Amino acid sequence: HLARCLALEGAEAQIRVNVVNPDAVLRGSKIWTGEWKEQRAAAYKMSTDDLEEHYRSRSMLKRSVFPEDIAEAIYFFASDMSAKSTGNIV
């Protein structure tokens, strides 16, 4: 809701506010190495090897999210392609 509230406030000044909020990005992320990964696995009562499948199964498309997916979404919102987009959450 924060993105939409800020989008409403900034709209008159043509300030766009969009948010990229992915679920877990396991590959290429340092947050998923070592202790953090072990803590997440323990919280879900599974092995660390099962974490990626767990997060993939939570999404409607059942697909993993990769760093390049996030980069593409950010690029889209930063570019003229989304010049008329505000208040969106991806």
Protein backbone atom coordinates (compact mmCIF):
# COMPACT_ATOMS: atom_id res chain seq x y z
CA HIS A 1 0.00 0.00 0.00
CA LEU A 2 2.95 2.31 0.53
CA ALA A 3 3.72 2.39 -3.20
CA ARG A 4 0.15 3.33 -4.04
CA CYS A 5 -0.01 6.01 -1.35
CA LEU A 6 3.25 7.54 -2.56
CA ALA A 7 2.08 7.29 -6.17
CA LEU A 8 -1.04 9.27 -5.27
CA GLU A 9 1.03 11.91 -3.53
CA GLY A 10 3.53 12.21 -6.38
CA ALA A 11 1.13 12.00 -9.31
CA GLU A 12 0.41 15.72 -9.52
CA ALA A 13 4.15 16.40 -9.84
CA GLN A 14 4.51 13.56 -12.39
CA ILE A 15 6.55 11.51 -9.91
CA ARG A 16 6.08 7.81 -10.51
CA VAL A 17 6.35 5.22 -7.75
CA ASN A 18 6.53 1.52 -8.56
CA VAL A 19 7.81 -1.39 -6.49
CA VAL A 20 9.59 -4.60 -7.39
CA ASN A 21 8.92 -7.06 -4.58
CA PRO A 22 10.00 -10.57 -5.54
CA ASP A 23 9.74 -13.60 -3.35
CA ALA A 24 12.96 -15.45 -2.62
CA VAL A 25 15.76 -15.05 -5.15
CA LEU A 26 17.90 -18.03 -4.24
CA ARG A 27 20.51 -18.13 -6.97
CA GLY A 28 23.10 -15.39 -7.08
CA SER A 29 22.05 -13.98 -3.72
CA LYS A 30 24.52 -13.90 -0.85
CA ILE A 31 21.65 -13.89 1.64
CA TRP A 32 21.01 -17.54 0.86
CA THR A 33 24.46 -18.75 1.79
CA GLY A 34 25.40 -20.19 5.12
CA GLU A 35 23.44 -19.50 8.26
CA TRP A 36 20.48 -17.66 6.73
CA LYS A 37 19.70 -20.52 4.36
CA GLU A 38 19.95 -23.01 7.23
CA GLN A 39 17.61 -20.91 9.36
CA ARG A 40 14.99 -20.72 6.59
CA ALA A 41 15.18 -24.47 6.02
CA ALA A 42 14.81 -25.13 9.74
CA ALA A 43 11.83 -22.76 9.95
CA TYR A 44 10.08 -24.73 7.21
CA LYS A 45 11.28 -28.06 8.62
CA MET A 46 13.08 -29.10 5.44
CA SER A 47 16.57 -29.56 4.11
CA THR A 48 18.42 -26.67 2.51
CA ASP A 49 18.30 -28.60 -0.77
CA ASP A 50 14.49 -28.36 -0.74
CA LEU A 51 14.30 -24.58 -0.27
CA GLU A 52 14.30 -23.61 -3.94
CA GLU A 53 11.45 -25.98 -4.73
CA HIS A 54 9.56 -24.67 -1.68
CA TYR A 55 9.78 -21.07 -2.86
CA ARG A 56 9.09 -22.01 -6.48
CA SER A 57 5.91 -23.86 -5.43
CA ARG A 58 4.64 -20.75 -3.60
CA SER A 59 4.34 -18.74 -6.80
CA MET A 60 1.32 -19.04 -9.08
CA LEU A 61 3.51 -19.90 -12.09
CA LYS A 62 5.64 -22.34 -10.07
CA ARG A 63 8.85 -20.81 -11.42
CA SER A 64 12.05 -19.68 -9.72
CA VAL A 65 12.91 -15.98 -9.68
CA PHE A 66 16.44 -15.12 -10.79
CA PRO A 67 18.47 -11.90 -10.37
CA GLU A 68 18.09 -11.12 -14.08
CA ASP A 69 14.29 -11.25 -13.69
CA ILE A 70 14.48 -8.58 -11.01
CA ALA A 71 16.85 -6.49 -13.14
CA GLU A 72 14.43 -6.60 -16.08
CA ALA A 73 11.53 -5.43 -13.92
CA ILE A 74 13.60 -2.57 -12.49
CA TYR A 75 14.80 -1.61 -15.97
CA PHE A 76 11.21 -1.54 -17.20
CA PHE A 77 10.07 0.77 -14.41
CA ALA A 78 13.10 3.04 -14.84
CA SER A 79 12.61 3.32 -18.60
CA ASP A 80 10.22 5.26 -20.80
CA MET A 81 8.36 2.00 -21.44
CA SER A 82 6.57 2.55 -18.14
CA ALA A 83 6.21 6.33 -18.43
CA LYS A 84 2.50 6.07 -17.63
CA SER A 85 2.83 3.51 -14.84
CA THR A 86 2.66 4.39 -11.20
CA GLY A 87 1.49 2.67 -8.04
CA ASN A 88 2.36 -0.79 -9.32
CA ILE A 89 3.79 -3.66 -7.33
CA VAL A 90 5.53 -6.44 -9.24
